[in-house]
Structure formats: C-alpha cells, structure tokens
N, C-alpha and C. Protein backbone atom coordinates (compact mmCIF):
# COMPACT_ATOMS: atom_id res chain seq x y z
N UNK A 1 78.96 101.61 91.33
CA UNK A 1 78.96 100.57 92.33
C UNK A 1 79.81 101.02 93.51
N UNK A 2 79.29 100.85 94.68
CA UNK A 2 79.97 101.29 95.89
C UNK A 2 80.87 100.16 96.39
N UNK A 3 82.12 100.53 96.71
CA UNK A 3 83.03 99.53 97.26
C UNK A 3 83.08 99.69 98.76
N UNK A 4 83.19 98.58 99.45
CA UNK A 4 83.23 98.60 100.90
C UNK A 4 84.60 98.24 101.43
N UNK A 5 84.76 98.46 102.67
CA UNK A 5 86.00 98.15 103.35
C UNK A 5 85.85 96.78 104.01
N UNK A 6 86.78 95.90 103.75
CA UNK A 6 86.74 94.56 104.35
C UNK A 6 87.66 94.58 105.56
N UNK A 7 87.11 94.16 106.69
CA UNK A 7 87.89 94.11 107.92
C UNK A 7 88.03 92.65 108.33
N UNK A 8 89.27 92.21 108.48
CA UNK A 8 89.56 90.85 108.92
C UNK A 8 90.21 90.88 110.28
N UNK A 9 90.01 89.86 111.09
CA UNK A 9 90.73 89.80 112.37
C UNK A 9 92.24 89.77 112.11
N UNK A 10 93.01 90.42 112.98
CA UNK A 10 94.47 90.48 112.80
C UNK A 10 95.10 89.11 112.66
N UNK A 11 94.66 88.14 113.44
CA UNK A 11 95.28 86.81 113.40
C UNK A 11 95.18 86.22 111.99
N UNK A 12 94.06 86.41 111.33
CA UNK A 12 93.88 85.86 109.98
C UNK A 12 94.66 86.68 108.96
N UNK A 13 94.46 88.00 108.98
CA UNK A 13 95.11 88.85 107.99
C UNK A 13 96.63 88.81 108.12
N UNK A 14 97.15 88.95 109.33
CA UNK A 14 98.60 89.00 109.50
C UNK A 14 99.23 87.62 109.32
N UNK A 15 98.47 86.56 109.58
CA UNK A 15 98.96 85.22 109.28
C UNK A 15 99.18 85.07 107.78
N UNK A 16 98.25 85.59 106.98
CA UNK A 16 98.39 85.54 105.53
C UNK A 16 99.54 86.45 105.07
N UNK A 17 99.67 87.61 105.68
CA UNK A 17 100.79 88.51 105.37
C UNK A 17 102.11 87.79 105.63
N UNK A 18 102.20 87.09 106.75
CA UNK A 18 103.41 86.34 107.09
C UNK A 18 103.74 85.30 106.01
N UNK A 19 102.71 84.62 105.50
CA UNK A 19 102.93 83.63 104.44
C UNK A 19 103.45 84.31 103.17
N UNK A 20 102.85 85.43 102.78
CA UNK A 20 103.30 86.16 101.59
C UNK A 20 104.75 86.60 101.75
N UNK A 21 105.10 87.11 102.92
CA UNK A 21 106.48 87.54 103.16
C UNK A 21 107.43 86.36 103.07
N UNK A 22 107.01 85.21 103.61
CA UNK A 22 107.83 84.00 103.55
C UNK A 22 108.08 83.53 102.13
N UNK A 23 107.15 83.84 101.22
CA UNK A 23 107.29 83.48 99.81
C UNK A 23 108.12 84.50 99.04
N UNK A 24 108.58 85.56 99.72
CA UNK A 24 109.42 86.56 99.07
C UNK A 24 108.69 87.76 98.51
N UNK A 25 107.41 87.88 98.80
CA UNK A 25 106.63 89.02 98.31
C UNK A 25 106.80 90.23 99.22
N UNK A 26 106.58 91.40 98.65
CA UNK A 26 106.48 92.65 99.41
C UNK A 26 105.01 92.84 99.75
N UNK A 27 104.72 93.32 100.96
CA UNK A 27 103.34 93.50 101.40
C UNK A 27 103.20 94.89 102.02
N UNK A 28 102.10 95.56 101.70
CA UNK A 28 101.79 96.86 102.32
C UNK A 28 100.56 96.66 103.19
N UNK A 29 100.68 97.06 104.47
CA UNK A 29 99.55 96.95 105.39
C UNK A 29 99.24 98.31 106.01
N UNK A 30 97.97 98.54 106.26
CA UNK A 30 97.53 99.73 106.99
C UNK A 30 97.76 99.46 108.48
N UNK A 31 98.27 100.41 109.19
CA UNK A 31 98.55 100.21 110.61
C UNK A 31 97.32 100.52 111.46
N UNK A 32 97.29 99.92 112.65
CA UNK A 32 96.23 100.17 113.63
C UNK A 32 96.91 100.51 114.95
N UNK A 33 96.21 101.20 115.80
CA UNK A 33 96.72 101.48 117.13
C UNK A 33 97.73 102.61 117.17
N UNK A 34 98.14 102.95 118.39
CA UNK A 34 99.04 104.08 118.61
C UNK A 34 100.39 103.68 119.20
N UNK A 35 100.68 102.39 119.22
CA UNK A 35 101.92 101.95 119.88
C UNK A 35 103.18 102.40 119.16
N UNK A 36 103.08 102.82 117.90
CA UNK A 36 104.28 103.28 117.18
C UNK A 36 104.30 104.80 117.01
N UNK A 37 103.42 105.50 117.72
CA UNK A 37 103.44 106.97 117.70
C UNK A 37 104.75 107.45 118.32
N UNK A 38 105.31 108.49 117.91
CA UNK A 38 104.84 109.48 116.94
C UNK A 38 105.29 109.21 115.51
N UNK A 39 106.04 108.13 115.26
CA UNK A 39 106.59 107.90 113.92
C UNK A 39 105.60 107.28 112.95
N UNK A 40 104.73 106.41 113.45
CA UNK A 40 103.71 105.79 112.61
C UNK A 40 102.36 106.05 113.25
N UNK A 41 101.47 106.63 112.49
CA UNK A 41 100.15 106.99 113.00
C UNK A 41 99.13 105.93 112.58
N UNK A 42 98.54 105.26 113.56
CA UNK A 42 97.58 104.21 113.31
C UNK A 42 96.38 104.68 112.52
N UNK A 43 95.91 103.83 111.61
CA UNK A 43 94.75 104.07 110.77
C UNK A 43 94.92 105.24 109.81
N UNK A 44 96.14 105.70 109.65
CA UNK A 44 96.44 106.74 108.66
C UNK A 44 97.64 106.32 107.81
N UNK A 45 98.68 105.79 108.45
CA UNK A 45 99.91 105.41 107.75
C UNK A 45 99.90 103.92 107.42
N UNK A 46 100.57 103.58 106.34
CA UNK A 46 100.76 102.19 105.95
C UNK A 46 102.24 101.86 106.03
N UNK A 47 102.55 100.57 106.06
CA UNK A 47 103.93 100.13 106.15
C UNK A 47 104.18 99.09 105.07
N UNK A 48 105.29 99.25 104.34
CA UNK A 48 105.70 98.25 103.36
C UNK A 48 106.67 97.30 104.04
N UNK A 49 106.36 96.02 103.97
CA UNK A 49 107.16 95.00 104.63
C UNK A 49 107.83 94.08 103.60
N UNK A 50 109.02 93.61 103.94
CA UNK A 50 109.76 92.61 103.17
C UNK A 50 110.38 91.63 104.14
N UNK A 51 110.66 90.46 103.67
CA UNK A 51 111.43 89.49 104.46
C UNK A 51 112.90 89.81 104.20
N UNK A 52 113.66 90.08 105.25
CA UNK A 52 115.08 90.42 105.09
C UNK A 52 115.92 89.37 105.78
N UNK A 53 117.13 89.13 105.27
CA UNK A 53 117.96 88.07 105.85
C UNK A 53 118.46 88.37 107.26
N UNK A 54 118.55 89.64 107.61
CA UNK A 54 119.04 89.97 108.95
C UNK A 54 118.19 91.07 109.55
N UNK A 55 118.19 91.11 110.88
CA UNK A 55 117.43 92.11 111.63
C UNK A 55 118.40 92.78 112.59
N UNK A 56 118.28 94.09 112.73
CA UNK A 56 119.16 94.84 113.62
C UNK A 56 118.33 95.64 114.62
N UNK A 57 118.98 96.03 115.72
CA UNK A 57 118.33 96.91 116.69
C UNK A 57 117.95 98.19 115.96
N UNK A 58 116.71 98.63 116.17
CA UNK A 58 116.20 99.83 115.51
C UNK A 58 115.29 99.53 114.34
N UNK A 59 115.32 98.30 113.81
CA UNK A 59 114.43 97.93 112.71
C UNK A 59 113.00 97.80 113.22
N UNK A 60 112.04 98.14 112.38
CA UNK A 60 110.62 97.93 112.67
C UNK A 60 110.26 96.60 112.04
N UNK A 61 109.72 95.69 112.85
CA UNK A 61 109.41 94.35 112.37
C UNK A 61 107.98 93.94 112.68
N UNK A 62 107.46 93.04 111.86
CA UNK A 62 106.20 92.37 112.14
C UNK A 62 106.60 91.03 112.75
N UNK A 63 106.16 90.77 113.97
CA UNK A 63 106.54 89.54 114.66
C UNK A 63 105.32 88.89 115.29
N UNK A 64 105.36 87.57 115.34
CA UNK A 64 104.31 86.81 116.03
C UNK A 64 104.83 86.53 117.44
N UNK A 65 104.20 87.15 118.43
CA UNK A 65 104.71 87.00 119.80
C UNK A 65 104.03 85.86 120.56
N UNK A 66 102.92 85.39 120.03
CA UNK A 66 102.27 84.17 120.52
C UNK A 66 101.37 83.70 119.37
N UNK A 67 100.90 82.47 119.39
CA UNK A 67 100.10 81.99 118.25
C UNK A 67 98.92 82.92 117.94
N UNK A 68 98.92 83.44 116.71
CA UNK A 68 97.85 84.32 116.27
C UNK A 68 97.91 85.75 116.76
N UNK A 69 98.96 86.12 117.51
CA UNK A 69 99.09 87.48 118.05
C UNK A 69 100.34 88.12 117.45
N UNK A 70 100.12 89.12 116.60
CA UNK A 70 101.20 89.80 115.89
C UNK A 70 101.34 91.24 116.36
N UNK A 71 102.55 91.75 116.31
CA UNK A 71 102.79 93.17 116.61
C UNK A 71 103.74 93.74 115.56
N UNK A 72 103.57 95.02 115.29
CA UNK A 72 104.50 95.77 114.45
C UNK A 72 105.20 96.73 115.39
N UNK A 73 106.39 96.34 115.84
CA UNK A 73 107.15 97.14 116.80
C UNK A 73 108.61 97.19 116.40
N UNK A 74 109.34 98.03 117.10
CA UNK A 74 110.76 98.22 116.82
C UNK A 74 111.60 97.25 117.65
N UNK A 75 112.67 96.75 117.04
CA UNK A 75 113.60 95.87 117.75
C UNK A 75 114.37 96.73 118.75
N UNK A 76 114.23 96.37 120.02
CA UNK A 76 114.84 97.11 121.11
C UNK A 76 116.17 96.50 121.53
N UNK A 77 116.28 95.18 121.45
CA UNK A 77 117.51 94.49 121.82
C UNK A 77 117.53 93.10 121.19
N UNK A 78 118.73 92.61 120.91
CA UNK A 78 118.91 91.26 120.39
C UNK A 78 120.02 90.60 121.20
N UNK A 79 119.74 89.40 121.72
CA UNK A 79 120.74 88.64 122.44
C UNK A 79 120.63 87.20 121.98
N UNK A 80 121.63 86.76 121.22
CA UNK A 80 121.64 85.45 120.58
C UNK A 80 120.41 85.34 119.68
N UNK A 81 119.48 84.43 119.98
CA UNK A 81 118.30 84.24 119.15
C UNK A 81 117.08 84.98 119.71
N UNK A 82 117.22 85.60 120.87
CA UNK A 82 116.10 86.29 121.53
C UNK A 82 116.04 87.75 121.08
N UNK A 83 114.81 88.21 120.84
CA UNK A 83 114.60 89.57 120.38
C UNK A 83 113.60 90.25 121.32
N UNK A 84 113.93 91.47 121.76
CA UNK A 84 113.01 92.26 122.57
C UNK A 84 112.45 93.38 121.68
N UNK A 85 111.12 93.52 121.69
CA UNK A 85 110.43 94.51 120.87
C UNK A 85 109.76 95.54 121.75
N UNK A 86 109.66 96.75 121.21
CA UNK A 86 108.97 97.81 121.96
C UNK A 86 108.40 98.81 120.97
N UNK A 87 107.16 99.19 121.17
CA UNK A 87 106.56 100.23 120.34
C UNK A 87 107.13 101.59 120.70
N UNK A 88 107.31 102.45 119.72
CA UNK A 88 107.85 103.79 119.97
C UNK A 88 106.97 104.58 120.92
N UNK A 89 105.67 104.32 120.91
CA UNK A 89 104.73 105.03 121.77
C UNK A 89 104.52 104.36 123.12
N UNK A 90 105.22 103.27 123.38
CA UNK A 90 105.11 102.58 124.67
C UNK A 90 106.24 103.04 125.58
N UNK A 91 105.89 103.52 126.74
CA UNK A 91 106.94 103.98 127.66
C UNK A 91 107.61 102.82 128.37
N UNK A 92 106.86 101.78 128.71
CA UNK A 92 107.42 100.69 129.50
C UNK A 92 107.30 99.31 128.86
N UNK A 93 106.16 98.97 128.29
CA UNK A 93 105.88 97.62 127.84
C UNK A 93 106.78 97.14 126.71
N UNK A 94 107.22 95.89 126.83
CA UNK A 94 108.00 95.26 125.77
C UNK A 94 107.42 93.87 125.50
N UNK A 95 107.75 93.32 124.35
CA UNK A 95 107.40 91.96 124.00
C UNK A 95 108.67 91.21 123.67
N UNK A 96 108.61 89.89 123.75
CA UNK A 96 109.77 89.06 123.42
C UNK A 96 109.38 88.04 122.37
N UNK A 97 110.33 87.74 121.50
CA UNK A 97 110.14 86.69 120.50
C UNK A 97 111.51 86.15 120.13
N UNK A 98 111.54 85.20 119.21
CA UNK A 98 112.81 84.70 118.69
C UNK A 98 112.98 85.22 117.26
N UNK A 99 114.15 85.05 116.72
CA UNK A 99 114.41 85.49 115.34
C UNK A 99 113.46 84.78 114.37
N UNK A 100 113.10 83.53 114.66
CA UNK A 100 112.21 82.78 113.78
C UNK A 100 110.78 83.34 113.80
N UNK A 101 110.42 84.07 114.85
CA UNK A 101 109.08 84.65 114.95
C UNK A 101 108.92 85.95 114.17
N UNK A 102 110.02 86.48 113.66
CA UNK A 102 109.96 87.72 112.89
C UNK A 102 109.53 87.39 111.46
N UNK A 103 108.41 87.96 111.07
CA UNK A 103 107.80 87.67 109.76
C UNK A 103 108.37 88.55 108.66
N UNK A 104 108.64 89.82 108.99
CA UNK A 104 109.13 90.76 107.99
C UNK A 104 109.61 92.04 108.63
N UNK A 105 110.31 92.82 107.84
CA UNK A 105 110.88 94.08 108.30
C UNK A 105 110.28 95.22 107.49
N UNK A 106 109.94 96.31 108.17
CA UNK A 106 109.42 97.49 107.47
C UNK A 106 110.56 98.14 106.69
N UNK A 107 110.33 98.35 105.41
CA UNK A 107 111.33 99.02 104.57
C UNK A 107 110.90 100.46 104.27
N UNK A 108 109.59 100.72 104.41
CA UNK A 108 109.10 102.08 104.14
C UNK A 108 107.82 102.33 104.91
N UNK A 109 107.64 103.58 105.31
CA UNK A 109 106.39 104.03 105.92
C UNK A 109 105.73 104.92 104.88
N UNK A 110 104.48 104.62 104.57
CA UNK A 110 103.76 105.35 103.54
C UNK A 110 102.77 106.29 104.21
N UNK A 111 103.01 107.58 104.04
CA UNK A 111 102.19 108.63 104.63
C UNK A 111 101.18 109.13 103.60
N UNK A 112 100.12 109.81 104.05
CA UNK A 112 99.16 110.38 103.10
C UNK A 112 99.85 111.33 102.12
N UNK A 113 99.28 111.43 100.92
CA UNK A 113 99.87 112.31 99.91
C UNK A 113 101.04 111.68 99.19
N UNK A 114 101.09 110.36 99.17
CA UNK A 114 102.15 109.61 98.47
C UNK A 114 103.55 109.89 99.01
N UNK A 115 103.65 110.27 100.26
CA UNK A 115 104.96 110.50 100.88
C UNK A 115 105.49 109.15 101.38
N UNK A 116 106.71 108.82 100.99
CA UNK A 116 107.33 107.54 101.34
C UNK A 116 108.57 107.80 102.17
N UNK A 117 108.64 107.21 103.35
CA UNK A 117 109.81 107.37 104.22
C UNK A 117 110.59 106.07 104.20
N UNK A 118 111.83 106.13 103.79
CA UNK A 118 112.72 104.97 103.76
C UNK A 118 113.18 104.68 105.19
N UNK A 119 112.84 103.51 105.71
CA UNK A 119 113.17 103.17 107.10
C UNK A 119 114.67 102.99 107.34
N UNK A 120 115.47 102.89 106.29
CA UNK A 120 116.90 102.68 106.45
C UNK A 120 117.72 103.94 106.14
N UNK A 121 117.03 105.04 105.86
CA UNK A 121 117.72 106.30 105.58
C UNK A 121 118.40 106.80 106.86
N UNK A 122 119.63 107.32 106.75
CA UNK A 122 120.34 107.80 107.93
C UNK A 122 119.56 108.83 108.74
N UNK A 123 118.86 109.72 108.05
CA UNK A 123 118.08 110.76 108.75
C UNK A 123 117.00 110.12 109.63
N UNK A 124 116.32 109.12 109.10
CA UNK A 124 115.26 108.42 109.84
C UNK A 124 115.85 107.71 111.06
N UNK A 125 116.99 107.06 110.89
CA UNK A 125 117.61 106.33 112.00
C UNK A 125 118.08 107.30 113.10
N UNK A 126 118.57 108.48 112.70
CA UNK A 126 118.97 109.48 113.70
C UNK A 126 117.78 109.94 114.52
N UNK A 127 116.63 110.17 113.87
CA UNK A 127 115.42 110.59 114.59
C UNK A 127 115.02 109.54 115.63
N UNK A 128 115.07 108.28 115.24
CA UNK A 128 114.71 107.22 116.17
C UNK A 128 115.69 107.18 117.36
N UNK A 129 116.99 107.27 117.08
CA UNK A 129 117.98 107.23 118.16
C UNK A 129 117.80 108.38 119.14
N UNK A 130 117.48 109.58 118.62
CA UNK A 130 117.21 110.72 119.51
C UNK A 130 115.98 110.46 120.37
N UNK A 131 114.94 109.87 119.78
CA UNK A 131 113.71 109.57 120.52
C UNK A 131 114.00 108.59 121.66
N UNK A 132 114.73 107.53 121.39
CA UNK A 132 115.05 106.52 122.40
C UNK A 132 115.95 107.11 123.49
N UNK A 133 116.85 108.00 123.10
CA UNK A 133 117.79 108.58 124.06
C UNK A 133 117.14 109.65 124.95
N UNK A 134 116.00 110.16 124.53
CA UNK A 134 115.32 111.21 125.31
C UNK A 134 114.87 110.64 126.66
N UNK A 135 114.96 111.43 127.71
CA UNK A 135 114.49 110.95 129.02
C UNK A 135 113.02 110.53 128.96
N UNK A 136 112.66 109.57 129.76
CA UNK A 136 111.31 109.02 129.78
C UNK A 136 110.26 110.12 129.98
N UNK A 137 110.52 111.07 130.85
CA UNK A 137 109.56 112.14 131.12
C UNK A 137 109.32 112.99 129.87
N UNK A 138 110.36 113.22 129.08
CA UNK A 138 110.22 113.99 127.84
C UNK A 138 109.35 113.22 126.86
N UNK A 139 109.62 111.92 126.70
CA UNK A 139 108.81 111.10 125.79
C UNK A 139 107.35 111.05 126.25
N UNK A 140 107.15 110.99 127.56
CA UNK A 140 105.79 110.94 128.10
C UNK A 140 105.03 112.23 127.79
N UNK A 141 105.68 113.36 127.97
CA UNK A 141 105.04 114.65 127.68
C UNK A 141 104.74 114.78 126.20
N UNK A 142 105.72 114.44 125.35
CA UNK A 142 105.52 114.54 123.89
C UNK A 142 104.38 113.62 123.46
N UNK A 143 104.36 112.38 123.95
CA UNK A 143 103.29 111.45 123.57
C UNK A 143 101.93 111.94 124.05
N UNK A 144 101.85 112.45 125.26
CA UNK A 144 100.59 112.98 125.77
C UNK A 144 100.09 114.13 124.92
N UNK A 145 100.98 115.04 124.57
CA UNK A 145 100.63 116.17 123.73
C UNK A 145 100.20 115.69 122.35
N UNK A 146 100.97 114.79 121.77
CA UNK A 146 100.70 114.26 120.44
C UNK A 146 99.33 113.58 120.39
N UNK A 147 99.00 112.78 121.37
CA UNK A 147 97.73 112.06 121.38
C UNK A 147 96.54 113.00 121.54
N UNK A 148 96.75 114.14 122.17
CA UNK A 148 95.65 115.09 122.35
C UNK A 148 95.41 115.97 121.11
N UNK A 149 96.46 116.26 120.36
CA UNK A 149 96.29 117.18 119.23
C UNK A 149 96.19 116.46 117.88
N UNK A 150 96.40 115.18 117.82
CA UNK A 150 96.50 114.49 116.54
C UNK A 150 95.24 114.57 115.68
N UNK A 151 94.09 114.79 116.29
CA UNK A 151 92.86 114.83 115.51
C UNK A 151 92.46 116.24 115.09
N UNK A 152 93.27 117.22 115.42
CA UNK A 152 92.95 118.61 115.04
C UNK A 152 93.18 118.82 113.56
C-alpha cells in the first residue's frame, strides 16, 4: 500500500501544533522556506519544539504574529513584553509579537541521517552569535552563495 504525503495549510497545522505545545507535548515539525538559512534548511530539516517557561534572545521560537500567521524565527530582541523576531536568512525584515504569542521554543534541529543539534549547546549559540555579529555584506554574500549551491 502506498502512503501519501498530507499537506495542510500552515494556519491549520501550526494552530494545532500550538495547542499541543500548550498541553505540554513535544512536537516535531518539518520546516518550510529559507528564512532560517543557513542554520535550518527548509523542506529538509525538522525542528523539535517544546513550551518553555522563559524565552531569551537567540532562541528559535514558533510565534503567531497575526491571527493564523505563524513564523519559526529567532528572538532578536526582548523589551518588557514585546518580542522582535528575525529569520537568520533575512537581512532586514523583522516581525513583532508579545510573549503570549510565542507558542514554543526549538530545543533541537533534526538533520538528515538522524543528526540532532541541541539548540542550547554552547557551540551552537557561539555559531549564531558570530553570524549575527558578521557585517551585513558578509551575510548577504554567504546567503547568496548558499542559496545557489544548496541543490548541488
């Protein structure tokens, strides 16, 4: 018997994911898009999410930025209850939400071949800090190169 792939609209699927996280479950989702490149590759890598009591700058979170519109991006800044999000592959664009809009935090990135990257490992956090600290032109060149060779 042949099994098929079920595709649901993000608003429905991620709304259900948000409910599961709210109930204390761990959820693994396949990623889409390139906004988290080069660290997370869309349609190849998966992310394990959990609901965590606190969120810090540098965490990767699933957040609802408007009704039915969810993003998996990194926390760029926190000021009181306001949170600014930005994809690692986005040079300029950011999103805003509140702490209550954060559905869950990525605890692991699951790569092909059963490779699991702990999102809270010091080595992983250092890589992210170096990426953010790199001049915009360097990130632009690396992203352009990465997007052109990724399918080789």
